[in-house]
Amino acid sequence: MTEPVLLEDLSEGVLRLTLNRPDRLNAFTPELHAGLRAAIDRAAGNEAVRAVLLTGAGRGFCAGQDLGQRHPDATGGAPDLGETIGTLWNPLVRAIRALPKPVICAVNGVAAGAGANLAIACDIVIAGESARFIQSFAKLGLVPDSGGTWTLTRALGEARAKALALTGQPLPASQAADWGLIWRAVPDAALMEEAGALAASLAKGPTHGYGLTKQAIQAAGGQDLDASLDLERELQREAGFSPDYAEGVRAFTEKREPIFTGRAQ
């Protein structure tokens, strides 16, 4: 029986999604694109999902697009990579960014090309110490995609973004953490335990408030302070009417841990 290319497990509010093509370093095919995109879309409307944990099976997180299906010799001519980006990668990145729930990425081993940029599109990235982030596009005469030029430049600045993109040199997980590209680098053996604990903690939190926080932070890079102040006001108004805010205040006054439902109303 053929293994599914994406493993899904929902337990105690955490939807664990595992890219499952370990023999190909979890490189993406149209089937894997469709499966992951559908899982993210379902998570958006499923109240039982309070946090998403994305990782890869085997010795690497993701090697990006499966080039075997985009090789000119296999397609009978130069493939339209813009169509691949526009119909597969860009919608996936947008879906992750728009998901009103925390998305944690646990990077095991190599994350290369679009696989690296998929990882850093997530909300919180934890990587094993042996993990490496590689902008491998230059080795193929290509341009970083899947949000890579946007995310790298904003996280690292133009100088480091250009150097990583033009040289294709691997960025070790510890250095990625030091530079602020990811949240933490942890011992390989502790990666899934740490990522799972974080996801479980977030799954018990105020999910609606987390979604509003994502919206505000993601908007901040493209607007001035006045616009951010106005957006914060409107989002805080919405959060203030949520049952989680009322529960948070009750728990604070009663000196106990809050029990959040994650709902907007």
C-alpha atoms as a PDB file:
ATOM      1  CA  MET A   1       0.000   0.000   0.000  1.00  0.00           C
ATOM      2  CA  THR A   2       1.378   3.405  -0.998  1.00  0.00           C
ATOM      3  CA  GLU A   3       2.069   5.800   1.850  1.00  0.00           C
ATOM      4  CA  PRO A   4       0.212   9.133   1.681  1.00  0.00           C
ATOM      5  CA  VAL A   5       2.441  12.082   0.746  1.00  0.00           C
ATOM      6  CA  LEU A   6       1.060  14.074   3.677  1.00  0.00           C
ATOM      7  CA  LEU A   7       0.412  12.641   7.129  1.00  0.00           C
ATOM      8  CA  GLU A   8      -2.265  14.333   9.221  1.00  0.00           C
ATOM      9  CA  ASP A   9      -2.932  13.869  12.917  1.00  0.00           C
ATOM     10  CA  LEU A  10      -5.248  15.975  15.070  1.00  0.00           C
ATOM     11  CA  SER A  11      -4.855  15.563  18.810  1.00  0.00           C
ATOM     12  CA  GLU A  12      -5.773  17.915  21.670  1.00  0.00           C
ATOM     13  CA  GLY A  13      -6.129  20.908  19.390  1.00  0.00           C
ATOM     14  CA  VAL A  14      -2.852  20.400  17.503  1.00  0.00           C
ATOM     15  CA  LEU A  15      -2.997  19.451  13.836  1.00  0.00           C
ATOM     16  CA  ARG A  16       0.323  17.818  12.978  1.00  0.00           C
ATOM     17  CA  LEU A  17       1.110  17.850   9.263  1.00  0.00           C
ATOM     18  CA  THR A  18       4.113  15.791   8.129  1.00  0.00           C
ATOM     19  CA  LEU A  19       5.501  16.040   4.614  1.00  0.00           C
ATOM     20  CA  ASN A  20       5.945  12.372   3.743  1.00  0.00           C
ATOM     21  CA  ARG A  21       8.235  11.847   0.751  1.00  0.00           C
ATOM     22  CA  PRO A  22      11.406  11.048   2.706  1.00  0.00           C
ATOM     23  CA  ASP A  23      13.055   9.293  -0.233  1.00  0.00           C
ATOM     24  CA  ARG A  24      12.933  12.643  -2.088  1.00  0.00           C
ATOM     25  CA  LEU A  25      13.691  14.848   0.928  1.00  0.00           C
ATOM     26  CA  ASN A  26       9.989  15.711   0.933  1.00  0.00           C
ATOM     27  CA  ALA A  27      10.248  17.595  -2.363  1.00  0.00           C
ATOM     28  CA  PHE A  28       6.882  18.866  -3.520  1.00  0.00           C
ATOM     29  CA  THR A  29       4.756  17.317  -6.244  1.00  0.00           C
ATOM     30  CA  PRO A  30       1.324  18.597  -7.335  1.00  0.00           C
ATOM     31  CA  GLU A  31      -0.183  15.917  -5.086  1.00  0.00           C
ATOM     32  CA  LEU A  32       1.701  17.160  -2.033  1.00  0.00           C
ATOM     33  CA  HIS A  33       0.828  20.776  -2.868  1.00  0.00           C
ATOM     34  CA  ALA A  34      -2.854  19.869  -3.104  1.00  0.00           C
ATOM     35  CA  GLY A  35      -2.797  17.852   0.114  1.00  0.00           C
ATOM     36  CA  LEU A  36      -1.085  20.501   2.217  1.00  0.00           C
ATOM     37  CA  ARG A  37      -3.168  23.341   0.822  1.00  0.00           C
ATOM     38  CA  ALA A  38      -6.384  21.400   1.499  1.00  0.00           C
ATOM     39  CA  ALA A  39      -5.269  20.600   5.048  1.00  0.00           C
ATOM     40  CA  ILE A  40      -4.540  24.274   5.765  1.00  0.00           C
ATOM     41  CA  ASP A  41      -7.897  25.298   4.305  1.00  0.00           C
ATOM     42  CA  ARG A  42      -9.718  22.732   6.442  1.00  0.00           C
ATOM     43  CA  ALA A  43      -7.841  23.875   9.535  1.00  0.00           C
ATOM     44  CA  ALA A  44      -9.101  27.406   9.020  1.00  0.00           C
ATOM     45  CA  GLY A  45     -12.712  26.342   9.412  1.00  0.00           C
ATOM     46  CA  ASN A  46     -12.282  23.607  12.008  1.00  0.00           C
ATOM     47  CA  GLU A  47     -12.733  24.862  15.580  1.00  0.00           C
ATOM     48  CA  ALA A  48     -11.092  21.685  16.866  1.00  0.00           C
ATOM     49  CA  VAL A  49      -7.800  22.868  15.318  1.00  0.00           C
ATOM     50  CA  ARG A  50      -6.190  25.428  17.630  1.00  0.00           C
ATOM     51  CA  ALA A  51      -2.600  25.240  16.306  1.00  0.00           C
ATOM     52  CA  VAL A  52      -0.774  23.636  13.375  1.00  0.00           C
ATOM     53  CA  LEU A  53       2.607  21.897  13.559  1.00  0.00           C
ATOM     54  CA  LEU A  54       4.358  21.356  10.215  1.00  0.00           C
ATOM     55  CA  THR A  55       7.394  19.097   9.847  1.00  0.00           C
ATOM     56  CA  GLY A  56       9.020  16.616   7.470  1.00  0.00           C
ATOM     57  CA  ALA A  57       9.538  12.870   7.582  1.00  0.00           C
ATOM     58  CA  GLY A  58      13.005  11.349   7.437  1.00  0.00           C
ATOM     59  CA  ARG A  59      16.339  13.142   7.364  1.00  0.00           C
ATOM     60  CA  GLY A  60      15.227  16.490   5.935  1.00  0.00           C
ATOM     61  CA  PHE A  61      12.396  18.973   6.135  1.00  0.00           C
ATOM     62  CA  CYS A  62      11.913  19.815   2.462  1.00  0.00           C
ATOM     63  CA  ALA A  63      14.055  20.147  -0.659  1.00  0.00           C
ATOM     64  CA  GLY A  64      11.548  22.439  -2.368  1.00  0.00           C
ATOM     65  CA  GLN A  65       9.984  21.549  -5.700  1.00  0.00           C
ATOM     66  CA  ASP A  66      10.614  18.092  -7.138  1.00  0.00           C
ATOM     67  CA  LEU A  67      12.752  19.050 -10.114  1.00  0.00           C
ATOM     68  CA  GLY A  68      12.193  15.704 -11.777  1.00  0.00           C
ATOM     69  CA  GLN A  69       8.734  16.925 -12.733  1.00  0.00           C
ATOM     70  CA  ARG A  70       9.993  20.306 -13.949  1.00  0.00           C
ATOM     71  CA  HIS A  71      13.071  19.214 -15.910  1.00  0.00           C
ATOM     72  CA  PRO A  72      13.050  20.503 -19.514  1.00  0.00           C
ATOM     73  CA  ASP A  73      14.004  17.045 -20.805  1.00  0.00           C
ATOM     74  CA  ALA A  74      11.013  15.546 -19.017  1.00  0.00           C
ATOM     75  CA  THR A  75       8.505  18.177 -20.108  1.00  0.00           C
ATOM     76  CA  GLY A  76       9.633  18.474 -23.725  1.00  0.00           C
ATOM     77  CA  GLY A  77      10.724  22.072 -23.318  1.00  0.00           C
ATOM     78  CA  ALA A  78      11.251  24.795 -20.757  1.00  0.00           C
ATOM     79  CA  PRO A  79       8.498  24.564 -18.142  1.00  0.00           C
ATOM     80  CA  ASP A  80       6.495  27.637 -17.158  1.00  0.00           C
ATOM     81  CA  LEU A  81       7.811  28.077 -13.629  1.00  0.00           C
ATOM     82  CA  GLY A  82       5.692  31.182 -13.211  1.00  0.00           C
ATOM     83  CA  GLU A  83       2.600  29.008 -13.511  1.00  0.00           C
ATOM     84  CA  THR A  84       3.965  26.642 -10.868  1.00  0.00           C
ATOM     85  CA  ILE A  85       4.628  29.557  -8.529  1.00  0.00           C
ATOM     86  CA  GLY A  86       1.326  31.265  -9.225  1.00  0.00           C
ATOM     87  CA  THR A  87      -0.902  28.226  -8.907  1.00  0.00           C
ATOM     88  CA  LEU A  88       0.895  26.182  -6.256  1.00  0.00           C
ATOM     89  CA  TRP A  89       3.526  27.900  -4.104  1.00  0.00           C
ATOM     90  CA  ASN A  90       2.061  31.399  -3.788  1.00  0.00           C
ATOM     91  CA  PRO A  91      -1.419  30.205  -2.754  1.00  0.00           C
ATOM     92  CA  LEU A  92       0.163  27.893  -0.178  1.00  0.00           C
ATOM     93  CA  VAL A  93       2.259  30.660   1.383  1.00  0.00           C
ATOM     94  CA  ARG A  94      -0.743  32.994   1.398  1.00  0.00           C
ATOM     95  CA  ALA A  95      -2.887  30.330   3.077  1.00  0.00           C
ATOM     96  CA  ILE A  96      -0.351  29.838   5.869  1.00  0.00           C
ATOM     97  CA  ARG A  97      -0.008  33.568   6.437  1.00  0.00           C
ATOM     98  CA  ALA A  98      -3.778  34.076   6.402  1.00  0.00           C
ATOM     99  CA  LEU A  99      -4.604  31.151   8.696  1.00  0.00           C
ATOM    100  CA  PRO A 100      -6.013  32.756  11.881  1.00  0.00           C
ATOM    101  CA  LYS A 101      -4.215  30.192  14.035  1.00  0.00           C
ATOM    102  CA  PRO A 102      -0.558  29.721  14.993  1.00  0.00           C
ATOM    103  CA  VAL A 103       1.552  27.672  12.582  1.00  0.00           C
ATOM    104  CA  ILE A 104       4.735  26.179  14.061  1.00  0.00           C
ATOM    105  CA  CYS A 105       7.363  24.684  11.767  1.00  0.00           C
ATOM    106  CA  ALA A 106       9.788  22.078  13.113  1.00  0.00           C
ATOM    107  CA  VAL A 107      12.708  21.971  10.682  1.00  0.00           C
ATOM    108  CA  ASN A 108      14.589  18.684  10.718  1.00  0.00           C
ATOM    109  CA  GLY A 109      17.659  18.532   8.501  1.00  0.00           C
ATOM    110  CA  VAL A 110      17.846  20.477   5.268  1.00  0.00           C
ATOM    111  CA  ALA A 111      15.306  23.080   4.144  1.00  0.00           C
ATOM    112  CA  ALA A 112      16.253  24.122   0.630  1.00  0.00           C
ATOM    113  CA  GLY A 113      14.823  26.361  -2.055  1.00  0.00           C
ATOM    114  CA  ALA A 114      11.079  26.790  -1.731  1.00  0.00           C
ATOM    115  CA  GLY A 115      11.259  24.354   1.193  1.00  0.00           C
ATOM    116  CA  ALA A 116      13.317  26.890   3.151  1.00  0.00           C
ATOM    117  CA  ASN A 117      10.901  29.674   2.288  1.00  0.00           C
ATOM    118  CA  LEU A 118       7.902  27.537   3.184  1.00  0.00           C
ATOM    119  CA  ALA A 119       9.423  27.036   6.637  1.00  0.00           C
ATOM    120  CA  ILE A 120      10.105  30.716   7.273  1.00  0.00           C
ATOM    121  CA  ALA A 121       6.606  31.629   6.087  1.00  0.00           C
ATOM    122  CA  CYS A 122       5.300  29.929   9.236  1.00  0.00           C
ATOM    123  CA  ASP A 123       4.669  31.889  12.414  1.00  0.00           C
ATOM    124  CA  ILE A 124       7.237  30.240  14.678  1.00  0.00           C
ATOM    125  CA  VAL A 125      10.166  28.181  13.393  1.00  0.00           C
ATOM    126  CA  ILE A 126      12.114  25.772  15.595  1.00  0.00           C
ATOM    127  CA  ALA A 127      14.999  23.917  13.983  1.00  0.00           C
ATOM    128  CA  GLY A 128      17.269  21.088  14.988  1.00  0.00           C
ATOM    129  CA  GLU A 129      20.881  22.145  15.373  1.00  0.00           C
ATOM    130  CA  SER A 130      21.881  20.139  12.292  1.00  0.00           C
ATOM    131  CA  ALA A 131      19.264  21.878  10.134  1.00  0.00           C
ATOM    132  CA  ARG A 132      20.373  24.170   7.324  1.00  0.00           C
ATOM    133  CA  PHE A 133      18.455  26.756   5.332  1.00  0.00           C
ATOM    134  CA  ILE A 134      19.624  26.990   1.729  1.00  0.00           C
ATOM    135  CA  GLN A 135      18.538  29.473  -0.931  1.00  0.00           C
ATOM    136  CA  SER A 136      19.551  27.053  -3.652  1.00  0.00           C
ATOM    137  CA  PHE A 137      17.904  28.927  -6.524  1.00  0.00           C
ATOM    138  CA  ALA A 138      21.126  30.563  -7.757  1.00  0.00           C
ATOM    139  CA  LYS A 139      22.605  27.133  -8.414  1.00  0.00           C
ATOM    140  CA  LEU A 140      19.880  26.662 -11.033  1.00  0.00           C
ATOM    141  CA  GLY A 141      19.898  30.180 -12.449  1.00  0.00           C
ATOM    142  CA  LEU A 142      16.632  30.982 -10.686  1.00  0.00           C
ATOM    143  CA  VAL A 143      15.229  33.637  -8.350  1.00  0.00           C
ATOM    144  CA  PRO A 144      14.209  32.930  -4.734  1.00  0.00           C
ATOM    145  CA  ASP A 145      10.449  32.412  -4.684  1.00  0.00           C
ATOM    146  CA  SER A 146       7.635  31.459  -2.303  1.00  0.00           C
ATOM    147  CA  GLY A 147       8.134  34.739  -0.474  1.00  0.00           C
ATOM    148  CA  GLY A 148      11.882  34.266  -0.012  1.00  0.00           C
ATOM    149  CA  THR A 149      12.977  37.698  -1.214  1.00  0.00           C
ATOM    150  CA  TRP A 150      10.292  39.348   0.938  1.00  0.00           C
ATOM    151  CA  THR A 151      10.890  37.385   4.130  1.00  0.00           C
ATOM    152  CA  LEU A 152      14.688  37.331   3.977  1.00  0.00           C
ATOM    153  CA  THR A 153      14.950  41.054   3.314  1.00  0.00           C
ATOM    154  CA  ARG A 154      12.607  41.998   6.154  1.00  0.00           C
ATOM    155  CA  ALA A 155      14.108  39.561   8.634  1.00  0.00           C
ATOM    156  CA  LEU A 156      17.797  39.955   7.786  1.00  0.00           C
ATOM    157  CA  GLY A 157      18.245  43.165   5.799  1.00  0.00           C
ATOM    158  CA  GLU A 158      19.282  43.630   2.183  1.00  0.00           C
ATOM    159  CA  ALA A 159      22.960  42.750   2.620  1.00  0.00           C
ATOM    160  CA  ARG A 160      22.400  39.336   4.194  1.00  0.00           C
ATOM    161  CA  ALA A 161      19.424  38.550   1.977  1.00  0.00           C
ATOM    162  CA  LYS A 162      21.464  39.211  -1.168  1.00  0.00           C
ATOM    163  CA  ALA A 163      24.435  37.208   0.086  1.00  0.00           C
ATOM    164  CA  LEU A 164      22.304  34.168   0.910  1.00  0.00           C
ATOM    165  CA  ALA A 165      20.410  34.371  -2.376  1.00  0.00           C
ATOM    166  CA  LEU A 166      23.414  34.965  -4.637  1.00  0.00           C
ATOM    167  CA  THR A 167      25.821  32.469  -3.081  1.00  0.00           C
ATOM    168  CA  GLY A 168      23.395  29.713  -2.126  1.00  0.00           C
ATOM    169  CA  GLN A 169      25.523  29.047   0.946  1.00  0.00           C
ATOM    170  CA  PRO A 170      23.797  27.032   3.694  1.00  0.00           C
ATOM    171  CA  LEU A 171      22.712  28.978   6.757  1.00  0.00           C
ATOM    172  CA  PRO A 172      23.090  26.772   9.869  1.00  0.00           C
ATOM    173  CA  ALA A 173      20.149  26.704  12.257  1.00  0.00           C
ATOM    174  CA  SER A 174      22.078  28.293  15.124  1.00  0.00           C
ATOM    175  CA  GLN A 175      23.131  31.201  12.913  1.00  0.00           C
ATOM    176  CA  ALA A 176      19.588  31.552  11.560  1.00  0.00           C
ATOM    177  CA  ALA A 177      18.417  31.900  15.162  1.00  0.00           C
ATOM    178  CA  ASP A 178      21.171  34.390  16.013  1.00  0.00           C
ATOM    179  CA  TRP A 179      20.210  36.485  12.971  1.00  0.00           C
ATOM    180  CA  GLY A 180      16.526  36.440  13.864  1.00  0.00           C
ATOM    181  CA  LEU A 181      15.337  34.406  10.871  1.00  0.00           C
ATOM    182  CA  ILE A 182      13.905  31.665  13.103  1.00  0.00           C
ATOM    183  CA  TRP A 183      12.793  31.442  16.728  1.00  0.00           C
ATOM    184  CA  ARG A 184      15.149  28.803  18.161  1.00  0.00           C
ATOM    185  CA  ALA A 185      17.691  26.124  17.354  1.00  0.00           C
ATOM    186  CA  VAL A 186      17.568  23.102  19.655  1.00  0.00           C
ATOM    187  CA  PRO A 187      19.391  19.759  19.861  1.00  0.00           C
ATOM    188  CA  ASP A 188      18.156  17.438  17.131  1.00  0.00           C
ATOM    189  CA  ALA A 189      16.959  14.844  19.625  1.00  0.00           C
ATOM    190  CA  ALA A 190      14.801  17.447  21.372  1.00  0.00           C
ATOM    191  CA  LEU A 191      13.282  19.029  18.265  1.00  0.00           C
ATOM    192  CA  MET A 192       9.913  17.311  18.119  1.00  0.00           C
ATOM    193  CA  GLU A 193       9.461  17.342  21.877  1.00  0.00           C
ATOM    194  CA  GLU A 194      10.116  21.102  21.996  1.00  0.00           C
ATOM    195  CA  ALA A 195       7.957  21.838  18.964  1.00  0.00           C
ATOM    196  CA  GLY A 196       5.175  19.598  20.220  1.00  0.00           C
ATOM    197  CA  ALA A 197       5.177  21.240  23.646  1.00  0.00           C
ATOM    198  CA  LEU A 198       4.984  24.695  22.069  1.00  0.00           C
ATOM    199  CA  ALA A 199       2.146  23.657  19.783  1.00  0.00           C
ATOM    200  CA  ALA A 200       0.262  22.090  22.702  1.00  0.00           C
ATOM    201  CA  SER A 201       0.665  25.256  24.745  1.00  0.00           C
ATOM    202  CA  LEU A 202      -0.591  27.461  21.922  1.00  0.00           C
ATOM    203  CA  ALA A 203      -3.506  25.085  21.319  1.00  0.00           C
ATOM    204  CA  LYS A 204      -4.758  25.905  24.822  1.00  0.00           C
ATOM    205  CA  GLY A 205      -4.451  29.640  24.260  1.00  0.00           C
ATOM    206  CA  PRO A 206      -6.775  32.378  22.975  1.00  0.00           C
ATOM    207  CA  THR A 207      -6.839  31.262  19.349  1.00  0.00           C
ATOM    208  CA  HIS A 208      -8.925  34.191  18.121  1.00  0.00           C
ATOM    209  CA  GLY A 209      -6.540  36.640  19.770  1.00  0.00           C
ATOM    210  CA  TYR A 210      -3.583  34.847  18.209  1.00  0.00           C
ATOM    211  CA  GLY A 211      -5.151  35.250  14.779  1.00  0.00           C
ATOM    212  CA  LEU A 212      -5.663  38.979  15.326  1.00  0.00           C
ATOM    213  CA  THR A 213      -2.065  39.306  16.519  1.00  0.00           C
ATOM    214  CA  LYS A 214      -0.810  37.593  13.361  1.00  0.00           C
ATOM    215  CA  GLN A 215      -2.861  40.029  11.292  1.00  0.00           C
ATOM    216  CA  ALA A 216      -1.416  43.088  13.037  1.00  0.00           C
ATOM    217  CA  ILE A 217       2.223  41.977  12.890  1.00  0.00           C
ATOM    218  CA  GLN A 218       2.018  40.883   9.261  1.00  0.00           C
ATOM    219  CA  ALA A 219       0.487  44.205   8.262  1.00  0.00           C
ATOM    220  CA  ALA A 220       3.077  46.253  10.147  1.00  0.00           C
ATOM    221  CA  GLY A 221       5.856  45.826   7.592  1.00  0.00           C
ATOM    222  CA  GLY A 222       3.860  47.537   4.868  1.00  0.00           C
ATOM    223  CA  GLN A 223       2.382  50.482   6.738  1.00  0.00           C
ATOM    224  CA  ASP A 224       3.427  53.441   8.860  1.00  0.00           C
ATOM    225  CA  LEU A 225       2.975  53.880  12.611  1.00  0.00           C
ATOM    226  CA  ASP A 226      -0.340  55.732  12.293  1.00  0.00           C
ATOM    227  CA  ALA A 227      -1.836  52.926  10.236  1.00  0.00           C
ATOM    228  CA  SER A 228      -0.567  50.323  12.724  1.00  0.00           C
ATOM    229  CA  LEU A 229      -2.026  52.283  15.645  1.00  0.00           C
ATOM    230  CA  ASP A 230      -5.394  52.414  13.884  1.00  0.00           C
ATOM    231  CA  LEU A 231      -5.311  48.707  13.058  1.00  0.00           C
ATOM    232  CA  GLU A 232      -4.355  47.821  16.638  1.00  0.00           C
ATOM    233  CA  ARG A 233      -7.333  49.843  17.879  1.00  0.00           C
ATOM    234  CA  GLU A 234      -9.765  47.968  15.650  1.00  0.00           C
ATOM    235  CA  LEU A 235      -8.319  44.545  16.348  1.00  0.00           C
ATOM    236  CA  GLN A 236      -8.225  45.217  20.088  1.00  0.00           C
ATOM    237  CA  ARG A 237     -11.854  46.262  19.939  1.00  0.00           C
ATOM    238  CA  GLU A 238     -12.683  42.911  18.354  1.00  0.00           C
ATOM    239  CA  ALA A 239     -10.549  40.974  20.848  1.00  0.00           C
ATOM    240  CA  GLY A 240     -12.174  42.802  23.750  1.00  0.00           C
ATOM    241  CA  PHE A 241     -15.582  41.436  22.819  1.00  0.00           C
ATOM    242  CA  SER A 242     -14.338  37.826  22.750  1.00  0.00           C
ATOM    243  CA  PRO A 243     -15.163  35.328  25.502  1.00  0.00           C
ATOM    244  CA  ASP A 244     -11.445  34.647  25.905  1.00  0.00           C
ATOM    245  CA  TYR A 245     -10.845  38.215  27.085  1.00  0.00           C
ATOM    246  CA  ALA A 246     -13.590  37.863  29.693  1.00  0.00           C
ATOM    247  CA  GLU A 247     -12.134  34.535  30.809  1.00  0.00           C
ATOM    248  CA  GLY A 248      -8.626  35.979  30.934  1.00  0.00           C
ATOM    249  CA  VAL A 249      -9.767  38.786  33.239  1.00  0.00           C
ATOM    250  CA  ARG A 250     -11.697  36.376  35.481  1.00  0.00           C
ATOM    251  CA  ALA A 251      -8.718  34.042  35.725  1.00  0.00           C
ATOM    252  CA  PHE A 252      -6.401  36.935  36.556  1.00  0.00           C
ATOM    253  CA  THR A 253      -8.631  38.218  39.359  1.00  0.00           C
ATOM    254  CA  GLU A 254      -9.204  34.686  40.674  1.00  0.00           C
ATOM    255  CA  LYS A 255      -5.475  33.896  40.507  1.00  0.00           C
ATOM    256  CA  ARG A 256      -5.876  30.771  38.367  1.00  0.00           C
ATOM    257  CA  GLU A 257      -4.941  29.578  34.902  1.00  0.00           C
ATOM    258  CA  PRO A 258      -7.432  30.673  32.224  1.00  0.00           C
ATOM    259  CA  ILE A 259      -9.434  28.144  30.254  1.00  0.00           C
ATOM    260  CA  PHE A 260      -9.706  29.600  26.780  1.00  0.00           C
ATOM    261  CA  THR A 261     -12.157  28.382  24.158  1.00  0.00           C
ATOM    262  CA  GLY A 262     -10.349  30.072  21.259  1.00  0.00           C
ATOM    263  CA  ARG A 263     -13.634  31.306  19.808  1.00  0.00           C
ATOM    264  CA  ALA A 264     -14.373  34.792  18.523  1.00  0.00           C
ATOM    265  CA  GLN A 265     -17.779  34.875  20.229  1.00  0.00           C
END
